[in-house]
Amino acid sequence: MGCKGSFGCVLSVAAKVLCILVLITQSALLDYVIIRLDTTASDAGRYIWIALDSIVVIFWIIALVLSYRFFHFPSQEKVPTEGYSGKQIIKLALKELPFAYVSWLLYAVILVAKINRMFVAFAEDLTSTNESLQTNTSLKIILSLAGVIFALLAYAHHNEAHNSKYKLLIEKLGTAASIDLLDVVMLLDILFIEDNRVEITFTLDRTIRVFSSICILLPVFPLIALRVISSSGSAKTDKVFPIVMVLNTALYLFLVNIPLLSIRMFLWFHHDVDITTWLTKNVMAICKGVLDIYRELVTWRREVAKEEHGTDDAVQMEPVPV
C-alpha cells in the first residue's frame, strides 16, 4: 500500500520535513548558546554537541524514511525454531528504527544532558536583558520547541500506521506530551536565579531538574507501547490497549503532574512565586487522568468479559462518565 499523491500523503511528507527542520533549528540554536556561553568547558567539550546533534538528525531522517517503508510495505518473517543468530538479532534491532520511541529516546537523552549542562555552567545567570539569543527568554523559547518536535513526530507516524488503536493513542499522546513538555519549560524558568531573584536550595534545584528530565524522557514508554500495538493482532490489541492507556496515564500522573503541582505549591507558599496558570493545568490534568484511568479500567473489564463469555452483555458494566 503506497502513497499516491493524496492530500494525506502530502501532509505526512510535510510533517516529516517540518519535523526535521524544527529539530535542526533547535539543535543549532542550543549549540550556538552553549558554544558562546559555556566558558568553563574545553573546545572539545563545547563542540561535541554539534557532532551528537548531527547523529540525531541523520538518525531521525533515516527512521522517518524507514517508517514509511515499514508501514506501507510490511514484511512477514517467521520466528526461527532454533533461535536467532547474531546476524538475525542485529537485523531485528535495525527493524526497530522506524518506530518513534527509538528516535525520541536518542533525542531526549541528549536534550536532557544539554539542559543539565547549561544550568550547571551558565543558565542560572541569564537574564531577560542579555544580548540576542543569550537571554533566558530566548533559551526558554528554544527549549519549548521540544513540544513542537514531539507533536510533529507523532503526526508524522500517525498517517503511516493502519492500526486504529495505534492512530488513537499516538494522537492523544502527541497532544498531551507536547503540553507537558511546555509545562516543564515553564517550571525550569524558576532556575534562572539571576532574573527571578528567588533563592533556590540545592535540593529544590535538583528536584526540579530531575522531574524535568523525567518528563522529557517519559514519552518513550507510551511510544514503546505503540510499537507493541502496531504488531499485535486485533483481538490481542483490544485487550492490551486499555491497560497501556492506564499505565501511560498513571505514569504522567505520578511522575509529571503530581510532582510538578507539588513543586509549584511549594514555590507559591515558601517563595511567593506566581504559578497560577500552570498550577491550574496540573490540577486539570490530574482530574482528567483519574477519570481516564477509571474509563480505561471499565473498558478492560468489558474486553475480559467478552473473551470469557463471548458477549458484551455477559457482565453488567457500570456506566462510564463522559
C-alpha atoms as a PDB file:
ATOM      1  CA  MET A   1       0.000   0.000   0.000  1.00  0.00           C
ATOM      2  CA  GLY A   2       1.832   3.100  -1.161  1.00  0.00           C
ATOM      3  CA  CYS A   3       1.224   6.790  -1.147  1.00  0.00           C
ATOM      4  CA  LYS A   4      -0.184   8.019  -4.434  1.00  0.00           C
ATOM      5  CA  GLY A   5      -0.393  11.793  -4.274  1.00  0.00           C
ATOM      6  CA  SER A   6      -3.333  12.042  -1.850  1.00  0.00           C
ATOM      7  CA  PHE A   7      -3.748  15.074   0.380  1.00  0.00           C
ATOM      8  CA  GLY A   8      -2.974  12.888   3.404  1.00  0.00           C
ATOM      9  CA  CYS A   9       0.300  11.860   1.789  1.00  0.00           C
ATOM     10  CA  VAL A  10       1.256  15.493   1.224  1.00  0.00           C
ATOM     11  CA  LEU A  11       0.511  16.310   4.875  1.00  0.00           C
ATOM     12  CA  SER A  12       2.528  13.305   6.032  1.00  0.00           C
ATOM     13  CA  VAL A  13       5.561  14.332   3.968  1.00  0.00           C
ATOM     14  CA  ALA A  14       5.185  17.953   5.094  1.00  0.00           C
ATOM     15  CA  ALA A  15       5.067  16.834   8.748  1.00  0.00           C
ATOM     16  CA  LYS A  16       8.257  14.810   8.308  1.00  0.00           C
ATOM     17  CA  VAL A  17      10.111  17.649   6.581  1.00  0.00           C
ATOM     18  CA  LEU A  18       8.924  20.237   9.113  1.00  0.00           C
ATOM     19  CA  CYS A  19       9.822  17.912  11.986  1.00  0.00           C
ATOM     20  CA  ILE A  20      13.414  17.633  10.755  1.00  0.00           C
ATOM     21  CA  LEU A  21      13.649  21.391  10.116  1.00  0.00           C
ATOM     22  CA  VAL A  22      12.453  22.252  13.629  1.00  0.00           C
ATOM     23  CA  LEU A  23      14.811  19.634  15.075  1.00  0.00           C
ATOM     24  CA  ILE A  24      17.758  21.157  13.193  1.00  0.00           C
ATOM     25  CA  THR A  25      16.720  24.680  14.233  1.00  0.00           C
ATOM     26  CA  GLN A  26      16.510  23.823  17.926  1.00  0.00           C
ATOM     27  CA  SER A  27      19.768  21.864  17.869  1.00  0.00           C
ATOM     28  CA  ALA A  28      21.654  24.636  16.059  1.00  0.00           C
ATOM     29  CA  LEU A  29      20.375  27.354  18.392  1.00  0.00           C
ATOM     30  CA  LEU A  30      21.175  25.385  21.547  1.00  0.00           C
ATOM     31  CA  ASP A  31      24.633  24.573  20.222  1.00  0.00           C
ATOM     32  CA  TYR A  32      25.227  28.256  19.480  1.00  0.00           C
ATOM     33  CA  VAL A  33      24.210  29.236  23.021  1.00  0.00           C
ATOM     34  CA  ILE A  34      26.390  26.539  24.591  1.00  0.00           C
ATOM     35  CA  ILE A  35      29.438  27.373  22.460  1.00  0.00           C
ATOM     36  CA  ARG A  36      29.128  31.086  23.276  1.00  0.00           C
ATOM     37  CA  LEU A  37      28.345  30.867  26.982  1.00  0.00           C
ATOM     38  CA  ASP A  38      29.844  27.626  28.331  1.00  0.00           C
ATOM     39  CA  THR A  39      33.227  29.155  29.029  1.00  0.00           C
ATOM     40  CA  THR A  40      34.165  26.557  31.653  1.00  0.00           C
ATOM     41  CA  ALA A  41      34.199  23.707  29.128  1.00  0.00           C
ATOM     42  CA  SER A  42      37.029  22.940  26.739  1.00  0.00           C
ATOM     43  CA  ASP A  43      36.652  23.493  22.996  1.00  0.00           C
ATOM     44  CA  ALA A  44      36.103  19.765  22.511  1.00  0.00           C
ATOM     45  CA  GLY A  45      33.512  19.774  25.288  1.00  0.00           C
ATOM     46  CA  ARG A  46      31.533  22.552  23.606  1.00  0.00           C
ATOM     47  CA  TYR A  47      31.764  21.393  20.003  1.00  0.00           C
ATOM     48  CA  ILE A  48      30.939  17.754  20.802  1.00  0.00           C
ATOM     49  CA  TRP A  49      27.267  18.798  20.959  1.00  0.00           C
ATOM     50  CA  ILE A  50      27.332  19.571  17.222  1.00  0.00           C
ATOM     51  CA  ALA A  51      28.546  16.047  16.481  1.00  0.00           C
ATOM     52  CA  LEU A  52      25.911  14.494  18.738  1.00  0.00           C
ATOM     53  CA  ASP A  53      23.134  16.589  17.203  1.00  0.00           C
ATOM     54  CA  SER A  54      24.280  15.645  13.714  1.00  0.00           C
ATOM     55  CA  ILE A  55      23.932  11.983  14.657  1.00  0.00           C
ATOM     56  CA  VAL A  56      20.413  12.619  15.966  1.00  0.00           C
ATOM     57  CA  VAL A  57      19.323  14.470  12.809  1.00  0.00           C
ATOM     58  CA  ILE A  58      20.734  11.784  10.478  1.00  0.00           C
ATOM     59  CA  PHE A  59      19.132   9.071  12.601  1.00  0.00           C
ATOM     60  CA  TRP A  60      15.723  10.801  12.510  1.00  0.00           C
ATOM     61  CA  ILE A  61      15.862  11.213   8.732  1.00  0.00           C
ATOM     62  CA  ILE A  62      16.674   7.535   8.258  1.00  0.00           C
ATOM     63  CA  ALA A  63      13.991   6.472  10.765  1.00  0.00           C
ATOM     64  CA  LEU A  64      11.268   8.589   9.128  1.00  0.00           C
ATOM     65  CA  VAL A  65      12.106   7.166   5.704  1.00  0.00           C
ATOM     66  CA  LEU A  66      12.116   3.622   7.071  1.00  0.00           C
ATOM     67  CA  SER A  67       8.794   4.199   8.859  1.00  0.00           C
ATOM     68  CA  TYR A  68       7.120   4.782   5.505  1.00  0.00           C
ATOM     69  CA  ARG A  69       8.583   1.581   4.066  1.00  0.00           C
ATOM     70  CA  PHE A  70       7.778  -0.421   7.205  1.00  0.00           C
ATOM     71  CA  PHE A  71       4.115   0.551   7.439  1.00  0.00           C
ATOM     72  CA  HIS A  72       3.332   0.557   3.706  1.00  0.00           C
ATOM     73  CA  PHE A  73       5.398  -2.457   2.674  1.00  0.00           C
ATOM     74  CA  PRO A  74       5.444  -4.754   5.738  1.00  0.00           C
ATOM     75  CA  SER A  75       7.410  -7.973   5.551  1.00  0.00           C
ATOM     76  CA  GLN A  76       6.267 -11.178   7.225  1.00  0.00           C
ATOM     77  CA  GLU A  77       9.055 -13.278   8.684  1.00  0.00           C
ATOM     78  CA  LYS A  78       8.690 -16.459  10.699  1.00  0.00           C
ATOM     79  CA  VAL A  79      10.413 -16.940  14.027  1.00  0.00           C
ATOM     80  CA  PRO A  80      13.214 -19.491  13.561  1.00  0.00           C
ATOM     81  CA  THR A  81      12.731 -22.705  15.535  1.00  0.00           C
ATOM     82  CA  GLU A  82      16.401 -22.869  16.517  1.00  0.00           C
ATOM     83  CA  GLY A  83      16.608 -19.318  17.819  1.00  0.00           C
ATOM     84  CA  TYR A  84      18.197 -16.230  16.308  1.00  0.00           C
ATOM     85  CA  SER A  85      21.782 -15.981  15.119  1.00  0.00           C
ATOM     86  CA  GLY A  86      23.893 -12.903  15.837  1.00  0.00           C
ATOM     87  CA  LYS A  87      23.254 -11.566  12.345  1.00  0.00           C
ATOM     88  CA  GLN A  88      19.499 -12.062  12.712  1.00  0.00           C
ATOM     89  CA  ILE A  89      19.498 -10.252  16.077  1.00  0.00           C
ATOM     90  CA  ILE A  90      21.224  -7.256  14.500  1.00  0.00           C
ATOM     91  CA  LYS A  91      18.694  -7.348  11.670  1.00  0.00           C
ATOM     92  CA  LEU A  92      15.809  -7.386  14.167  1.00  0.00           C
ATOM     93  CA  ALA A  93      17.347  -4.465  16.063  1.00  0.00           C
ATOM     94  CA  LEU A  94      17.613  -2.457  12.851  1.00  0.00           C
ATOM     95  CA  LYS A  95      13.941  -3.131  12.187  1.00  0.00           C
ATOM     96  CA  GLU A  96      13.121  -1.120  15.320  1.00  0.00           C
ATOM     97  CA  LEU A  97      14.424   2.081  13.720  1.00  0.00           C
ATOM     98  CA  PRO A  98      11.097   3.055  12.086  1.00  0.00           C
ATOM     99  CA  PHE A  99       9.387   3.303  15.472  1.00  0.00           C
ATOM    100  CA  ALA A 100       9.163   6.691  17.126  1.00  0.00           C
ATOM    101  CA  TYR A 101      10.359   5.513  20.552  1.00  0.00           C
ATOM    102  CA  VAL A 102      13.907   4.936  19.271  1.00  0.00           C
ATOM    103  CA  SER A 103      14.105   8.408  17.712  1.00  0.00           C
ATOM    104  CA  TRP A 104      12.665  10.146  20.768  1.00  0.00           C
ATOM    105  CA  LEU A 105      14.904   8.249  23.201  1.00  0.00           C
ATOM    106  CA  LEU A 106      18.056   9.296  21.355  1.00  0.00           C
ATOM    107  CA  TYR A 107      16.899  12.918  21.105  1.00  0.00           C
ATOM    108  CA  ALA A 108      15.624  13.125  24.698  1.00  0.00           C
ATOM    109  CA  VAL A 109      18.821  11.754  26.258  1.00  0.00           C
ATOM    110  CA  ILE A 110      20.921  14.405  24.519  1.00  0.00           C
ATOM    111  CA  LEU A 111      18.414  17.195  25.284  1.00  0.00           C
ATOM    112  CA  VAL A 112      18.374  16.254  28.973  1.00  0.00           C
ATOM    113  CA  ALA A 113      22.192  16.263  29.024  1.00  0.00           C
ATOM    114  CA  LYS A 114      22.215  19.715  27.395  1.00  0.00           C
ATOM    115  CA  ILE A 115      19.701  21.175  29.846  1.00  0.00           C
ATOM    116  CA  ASN A 116      21.597  19.918  32.876  1.00  0.00           C
ATOM    117  CA  ARG A 117      24.914  21.118  31.457  1.00  0.00           C
ATOM    118  CA  MET A 118      23.535  24.584  30.742  1.00  0.00           C
ATOM    119  CA  PHE A 119      22.076  25.049  34.228  1.00  0.00           C
ATOM    120  CA  VAL A 120      25.289  23.830  35.836  1.00  0.00           C
ATOM    121  CA  ALA A 121      27.524  26.072  33.724  1.00  0.00           C
ATOM    122  CA  PHE A 122      25.721  29.324  32.914  1.00  0.00           C
ATOM    123  CA  ALA A 123      21.920  29.306  32.519  1.00  0.00           C
ATOM    124  CA  GLU A 124      21.206  30.373  36.106  1.00  0.00           C
ATOM    125  CA  ASP A 125      22.919  33.699  35.422  1.00  0.00           C
ATOM    126  CA  LEU A 126      20.959  34.541  32.258  1.00  0.00           C
ATOM    127  CA  THR A 127      18.542  37.461  32.372  1.00  0.00           C
ATOM    128  CA  SER A 128      15.992  38.978  30.029  1.00  0.00           C
ATOM    129  CA  THR A 129      18.384  41.846  29.300  1.00  0.00           C
ATOM    130  CA  ASN A 130      21.226  39.792  27.832  1.00  0.00           C
ATOM    131  CA  GLU A 131      22.140  40.194  24.188  1.00  0.00           C
ATOM    132  CA  SER A 132      20.391  38.471  21.299  1.00  0.00           C
ATOM    133  CA  LEU A 133      19.905  34.714  21.773  1.00  0.00           C
ATOM    134  CA  GLN A 134      21.723  34.810  25.094  1.00  0.00           C
ATOM    135  CA  THR A 135      18.654  35.773  27.167  1.00  0.00           C
ATOM    136  CA  ASN A 136      16.660  33.451  29.402  1.00  0.00           C
ATOM    137  CA  THR A 137      13.574  34.216  27.287  1.00  0.00           C
ATOM    138  CA  SER A 138      15.328  33.061  24.126  1.00  0.00           C
ATOM    139  CA  LEU A 139      16.527  29.888  25.847  1.00  0.00           C
ATOM    140  CA  LYS A 140      13.001  29.066  27.030  1.00  0.00           C
ATOM    141  CA  ILE A 141      11.608  29.557  23.529  1.00  0.00           C
ATOM    142  CA  ILE A 142      14.307  27.303  22.070  1.00  0.00           C
ATOM    143  CA  LEU A 143      13.642  24.595  24.671  1.00  0.00           C
ATOM    144  CA  SER A 144       9.879  24.840  24.104  1.00  0.00           C
ATOM    145  CA  LEU A 145      10.452  23.685  20.519  1.00  0.00           C
ATOM    146  CA  ALA A 146      10.732  20.184  22.026  1.00  0.00           C
ATOM    147  CA  GLY A 147       6.931  20.201  22.330  1.00  0.00           C
ATOM    148  CA  VAL A 148       6.583  21.155  18.666  1.00  0.00           C
ATOM    149  CA  ILE A 149       9.081  18.474  17.642  1.00  0.00           C
ATOM    150  CA  PHE A 150       7.192  15.773  19.528  1.00  0.00           C
ATOM    151  CA  ALA A 151       3.836  16.798  18.059  1.00  0.00           C
ATOM    152  CA  LEU A 152       5.307  16.698  14.541  1.00  0.00           C
ATOM    153  CA  LEU A 153       6.984  13.346  15.225  1.00  0.00           C
ATOM    154  CA  ALA A 154       3.666  11.923  16.422  1.00  0.00           C
ATOM    155  CA  TYR A 155       1.809  13.253  13.395  1.00  0.00           C
ATOM    156  CA  ALA A 156       4.495  12.016  11.011  1.00  0.00           C
ATOM    157  CA  HIS A 157       3.961   8.487  12.340  1.00  0.00           C
ATOM    158  CA  HIS A 158       0.170   8.852  12.687  1.00  0.00           C
ATOM    159  CA  ASN A 159      -0.633   8.680   8.978  1.00  0.00           C
ATOM    160  CA  GLU A 160       1.783   5.835   8.344  1.00  0.00           C
ATOM    161  CA  ALA A 161       0.110   3.259  10.565  1.00  0.00           C
ATOM    162  CA  HIS A 162      -3.059   1.420   9.571  1.00  0.00           C
ATOM    163  CA  ASN A 163      -3.907   0.193  13.084  1.00  0.00           C
ATOM    164  CA  SER A 164      -6.783   2.276  14.513  1.00  0.00           C
ATOM    165  CA  LYS A 165      -5.603   1.769  18.112  1.00  0.00           C
ATOM    166  CA  TYR A 166      -2.133   2.981  17.125  1.00  0.00           C
ATOM    167  CA  LYS A 167      -3.605   6.090  15.499  1.00  0.00           C
ATOM    168  CA  LEU A 168      -5.787   6.900  18.523  1.00  0.00           C
ATOM    169  CA  LEU A 169      -3.001   6.541  21.066  1.00  0.00           C
ATOM    170  CA  ILE A 170      -0.368   8.461  19.125  1.00  0.00           C
ATOM    171  CA  GLU A 171      -2.885  11.267  18.505  1.00  0.00           C
ATOM    172  CA  LYS A 172      -3.678  11.563  22.216  1.00  0.00           C
ATOM    173  CA  LEU A 173      -0.028  11.199  23.149  1.00  0.00           C
ATOM    174  CA  GLY A 174       1.115  13.819  20.661  1.00  0.00           C
ATOM    175  CA  THR A 175      -1.115  16.489  22.186  1.00  0.00           C
ATOM    176  CA  ALA A 176      -0.749  15.611  25.868  1.00  0.00           C
ATOM    177  CA  ALA A 177       3.008  15.041  25.846  1.00  0.00           C
ATOM    178  CA  SER A 178       3.631  18.266  23.923  1.00  0.00           C
ATOM    179  CA  ILE A 179       1.741  20.269  26.549  1.00  0.00           C
ATOM    180  CA  ASP A 180       3.648  18.528  29.343  1.00  0.00           C
ATOM    181  CA  LEU A 181       6.942  19.417  27.642  1.00  0.00           C
ATOM    182  CA  LEU A 182       5.887  23.078  27.617  1.00  0.00           C
ATOM    183  CA  ASP A 183       4.922  22.689  31.280  1.00  0.00           C
ATOM    184  CA  VAL A 184       8.473  21.551  32.065  1.00  0.00           C
ATOM    185  CA  VAL A 185       9.997  24.547  30.290  1.00  0.00           C
ATOM    186  CA  MET A 186       7.859  26.877  32.403  1.00  0.00           C
ATOM    187  CA  LEU A 187       8.991  25.061  35.555  1.00  0.00           C
ATOM    188  CA  LEU A 188      12.639  25.448  34.547  1.00  0.00           C
ATOM    189  CA  ASP A 189      12.024  29.183  34.423  1.00  0.00           C
ATOM    190  CA  ILE A 190      12.382  29.350  38.210  1.00  0.00           C
ATOM    191  CA  LEU A 191      16.012  28.206  37.888  1.00  0.00           C
ATOM    192  CA  PHE A 192      17.014  31.470  36.173  1.00  0.00           C
ATOM    193  CA  ILE A 193      18.029  32.766  39.585  1.00  0.00           C
ATOM    194  CA  GLU A 194      19.693  35.997  38.449  1.00  0.00           C
ATOM    195  CA  ASP A 195      16.498  37.178  36.779  1.00  0.00           C
ATOM    196  CA  ASN A 196      13.886  35.814  39.206  1.00  0.00           C
ATOM    197  CA  ARG A 197      15.725  36.804  42.386  1.00  0.00           C
ATOM    198  CA  VAL A 198      14.421  33.667  44.112  1.00  0.00           C
ATOM    199  CA  GLU A 199      16.801  31.787  46.371  1.00  0.00           C
ATOM    200  CA  ILE A 200      16.675  28.141  45.327  1.00  0.00           C
ATOM    201  CA  THR A 201      18.131  25.484  47.609  1.00  0.00           C
ATOM    202  CA  PHE A 202      20.351  22.725  46.260  1.00  0.00           C
ATOM    203  CA  THR A 203      17.636  20.122  46.929  1.00  0.00           C
ATOM    204  CA  LEU A 204      14.922  22.114  45.149  1.00  0.00           C
ATOM    205  CA  ASP A 205      17.219  22.791  42.200  1.00  0.00           C
ATOM    206  CA  ARG A 206      17.983  19.082  41.771  1.00  0.00           C
ATOM    207  CA  THR A 207      14.334  18.119  42.285  1.00  0.00           C
ATOM    208  CA  ILE A 208      13.181  20.461  39.530  1.00  0.00           C
ATOM    209  CA  ARG A 209      15.855  19.209  37.161  1.00  0.00           C
ATOM    210  CA  VAL A 210      15.184  15.526  37.925  1.00  0.00           C
ATOM    211  CA  PHE A 211      11.442  15.734  37.269  1.00  0.00           C
ATOM    212  CA  SER A 212      12.017  17.912  34.206  1.00  0.00           C
ATOM    213  CA  SER A 213      14.356  15.254  32.833  1.00  0.00           C
ATOM    214  CA  ILE A 214      11.820  12.511  33.601  1.00  0.00           C
ATOM    215  CA  CYS A 215       9.093  14.396  31.735  1.00  0.00           C
ATOM    216  CA  ILE A 216      11.292  14.762  28.654  1.00  0.00           C
ATOM    217  CA  LEU A 217      12.210  11.054  28.682  1.00  0.00           C
ATOM    218  CA  LEU A 218       8.775   9.740  29.673  1.00  0.00           C
ATOM    219  CA  PRO A 219       7.144   9.690  26.197  1.00  0.00           C
ATOM    220  CA  VAL A 220       9.451   6.752  25.415  1.00  0.00           C
ATOM    221  CA  PHE A 221       7.166   4.387  27.387  1.00  0.00           C
ATOM    222  CA  PRO A 222       3.899   5.020  25.515  1.00  0.00           C
ATOM    223  CA  LEU A 223       5.837   5.065  22.245  1.00  0.00           C
ATOM    224  CA  ILE A 224       7.167   1.581  23.074  1.00  0.00           C
ATOM    225  CA  ALA A 225       3.583   0.560  23.800  1.00  0.00           C
ATOM    226  CA  LEU A 226       2.652   1.845  20.359  1.00  0.00           C
ATOM    227  CA  ARG A 227       5.300  -0.399  18.854  1.00  0.00           C
ATOM    228  CA  VAL A 228       3.671  -3.417  20.571  1.00  0.00           C
ATOM    229  CA  ILE A 229       0.165  -2.378  19.492  1.00  0.00           C
ATOM    230  CA  SER A 230       1.235  -1.863  15.888  1.00  0.00           C
ATOM    231  CA  SER A 231       2.333  -5.504  15.628  1.00  0.00           C
ATOM    232  CA  SER A 232      -0.456  -7.118  17.646  1.00  0.00           C
ATOM    233  CA  GLY A 233      -3.477  -8.859  16.261  1.00  0.00           C
ATOM    234  CA  SER A 234      -6.872  -7.191  16.603  1.00  0.00           C
ATOM    235  CA  ALA A 235      -8.176  -9.386  19.442  1.00  0.00           C
ATOM    236  CA  LYS A 236      -4.965  -9.100  21.436  1.00  0.00           C
ATOM    237  CA  THR A 237      -4.833  -5.335  20.871  1.00  0.00           C
ATOM    238  CA  ASP A 238      -8.389  -4.838  22.152  1.00  0.00           C
ATOM    239  CA  LYS A 239      -7.405  -6.399  25.467  1.00  0.00           C
ATOM    240  CA  VAL A 240      -3.958  -4.798  25.814  1.00  0.00           C
ATOM    241  CA  PHE A 241      -4.885  -1.275  24.700  1.00  0.00           C
ATOM    242  CA  PRO A 242      -6.834  -0.207  27.855  1.00  0.00           C
ATOM    243  CA  ILE A 243      -4.006  -1.428  30.102  1.00  0.00           C
ATOM    244  CA  VAL A 244      -1.483   0.530  28.052  1.00  0.00           C
ATOM    245  CA  MET A 245      -3.640   3.639  28.407  1.00  0.00           C
ATOM    246  CA  VAL A 246      -3.940   3.131  32.181  1.00  0.00           C
ATOM    247  CA  LEU A 247      -0.166   2.724  32.590  1.00  0.00           C
ATOM    248  CA  ASN A 248       0.501   5.747  30.393  1.00  0.00           C
ATOM    249  CA  THR A 249      -1.935   7.935  32.345  1.00  0.00           C
ATOM    250  CA  ALA A 250      -0.627   6.686  35.704  1.00  0.00           C
ATOM    251  CA  LEU A 251       2.971   7.461  34.727  1.00  0.00           C
ATOM    252  CA  TYR A 252       2.086  11.025  33.765  1.00  0.00           C
ATOM    253  CA  LEU A 253       0.047  11.408  36.960  1.00  0.00           C
ATOM    254  CA  PHE A 254       2.744  10.246  39.383  1.00  0.00           C
ATOM    255  CA  LEU A 255       5.888  11.339  37.516  1.00  0.00           C
ATOM    256  CA  VAL A 256       4.744  14.614  35.938  1.00  0.00           C
ATOM    257  CA  ASN A 257       1.574  16.336  37.088  1.00  0.00           C
ATOM    258  CA  ILE A 258       1.535  15.444  40.801  1.00  0.00           C
ATOM    259  CA  PRO A 259       5.268  16.220  41.324  1.00  0.00           C
ATOM    260  CA  LEU A 260       5.069  19.437  39.280  1.00  0.00           C
ATOM    261  CA  LEU A 261       1.945  20.521  41.184  1.00  0.00           C
ATOM    262  CA  SER A 262       3.741  19.827  44.482  1.00  0.00           C
ATOM    263  CA  ILE A 263       6.802  21.822  43.413  1.00  0.00           C
ATOM    264  CA  ARG A 264       4.625  24.763  42.337  1.00  0.00           C
ATOM    265  CA  MET A 265       2.678  24.694  45.599  1.00  0.00           C
ATOM    266  CA  PHE A 266       5.984  24.772  47.487  1.00  0.00           C
ATOM    267  CA  LEU A 267       7.212  27.723  45.409  1.00  0.00           C
ATOM    268  CA  TRP A 268       3.931  29.533  45.974  1.00  0.00           C
ATOM    269  CA  PHE A 269       3.838  29.088  49.761  1.00  0.00           C
ATOM    270  CA  HIS A 270       7.557  29.455  50.511  1.00  0.00           C
ATOM    271  CA  HIS A 271       8.761  31.878  47.822  1.00  0.00           C
ATOM    272  CA  ASP A 272       5.546  33.658  46.777  1.00  0.00           C
ATOM    273  CA  VAL A 273       6.165  32.745  43.137  1.00  0.00           C
ATOM    274  CA  ASP A 274       3.295  33.351  40.697  1.00  0.00           C
ATOM    275  CA  ILE A 275       2.479  29.916  39.265  1.00  0.00           C
ATOM    276  CA  THR A 276      -1.301  30.257  38.784  1.00  0.00           C
ATOM    277  CA  THR A 277      -1.748  29.227  35.128  1.00  0.00           C
ATOM    278  CA  TRP A 278       0.365  26.079  35.094  1.00  0.00           C
ATOM    279  CA  LEU A 279      -0.757  25.059  38.581  1.00  0.00           C
ATOM    280  CA  THR A 280      -4.303  25.039  37.196  1.00  0.00           C
ATOM    281  CA  LYS A 281      -3.114  22.943  34.257  1.00  0.00           C
ATOM    282  CA  ASN A 282      -1.633  20.367  36.657  1.00  0.00           C
ATOM    283  CA  VAL A 283      -4.878  20.182  38.658  1.00  0.00           C
ATOM    284  CA  MET A 284      -6.923  19.728  35.480  1.00  0.00           C
ATOM    285  CA  ALA A 285      -4.532  17.054  34.204  1.00  0.00           C
ATOM    286  CA  ILE A 286      -4.739  15.144  37.497  1.00  0.00           C
ATOM    287  CA  CYS A 287      -8.562  15.200  37.482  1.00  0.00           C
ATOM    288  CA  LYS A 288      -8.664  14.139  33.828  1.00  0.00           C
ATOM    289  CA  GLY A 289      -6.084  11.420  34.482  1.00  0.00           C
ATOM    290  CA  VAL A 290      -8.138   9.875  37.291  1.00  0.00           C
ATOM    291  CA  LEU A 291     -11.261   9.830  35.072  1.00  0.00           C
ATOM    292  CA  ASP A 292      -9.275   8.357  32.164  1.00  0.00           C
ATOM    293  CA  ILE A 293      -7.932   5.561  34.365  1.00  0.00           C
ATOM    294  CA  TYR A 294     -11.466   4.726  35.525  1.00  0.00           C
ATOM    295  CA  ARG A 295     -12.831   4.656  31.986  1.00  0.00           C
ATOM    296  CA  GLU A 296      -9.988   2.528  30.636  1.00  0.00           C
ATOM    297  CA  LEU A 297     -10.347   0.033  33.500  1.00  0.00           C
ATOM    298  CA  VAL A 298     -14.051  -0.276  32.689  1.00  0.00           C
ATOM    299  CA  THR A 299     -13.114  -0.880  29.027  1.00  0.00           C
ATOM    300  CA  TRP A 300     -10.568  -3.505  30.069  1.00  0.00           C
ATOM    301  CA  ARG A 301     -13.164  -5.301  32.216  1.00  0.00           C
ATOM    302  CA  ARG A 302     -15.530  -5.301  29.270  1.00  0.00           C
ATOM    303  CA  GLU A 303     -12.907  -6.859  26.988  1.00  0.00           C
ATOM    304  CA  VAL A 304     -12.066  -9.526  29.587  1.00  0.00           C
ATOM    305  CA  ALA A 305     -15.775 -10.312  30.000  1.00  0.00           C
ATOM    306  CA  LYS A 306     -16.186 -10.541  26.232  1.00  0.00           C
ATOM    307  CA  GLU A 307     -13.289 -13.000  25.988  1.00  0.00           C
ATOM    308  CA  GLU A 308     -14.535 -15.159  28.868  1.00  0.00           C
ATOM    309  CA  HIS A 309     -18.211 -15.222  27.951  1.00  0.00           C
ATOM    310  CA  GLY A 310     -18.169 -14.433  24.245  1.00  0.00           C
ATOM    311  CA  THR A 311     -20.578 -11.496  24.537  1.00  0.00           C
ATOM    312  CA  ASP A 312     -20.571  -7.892  25.610  1.00  0.00           C
ATOM    313  CA  ASP A 313     -23.703  -8.437  27.706  1.00  0.00           C
ATOM    314  CA  ALA A 314     -22.337 -11.257  29.844  1.00  0.00           C
ATOM    315  CA  VAL A 315     -21.305  -8.912  32.626  1.00  0.00           C
ATOM    316  CA  GLN A 316     -23.202  -5.812  33.669  1.00  0.00           C
ATOM    317  CA  MET A 317     -20.811  -2.895  33.460  1.00  0.00           C
ATOM    318  CA  GLU A 318     -21.040   0.381  35.309  1.00  0.00           C
ATOM    319  CA  PRO A 319     -21.853   3.433  33.180  1.00  0.00           C
ATOM    320  CA  VAL A 320     -18.799   5.394  32.089  1.00  0.00           C
ATOM    321  CA  PRO A 321     -18.981   9.160  32.680  1.00  0.00           C
ATOM    322  CA  VAL A 322     -18.389  11.391  29.685  1.00  0.00           C
END
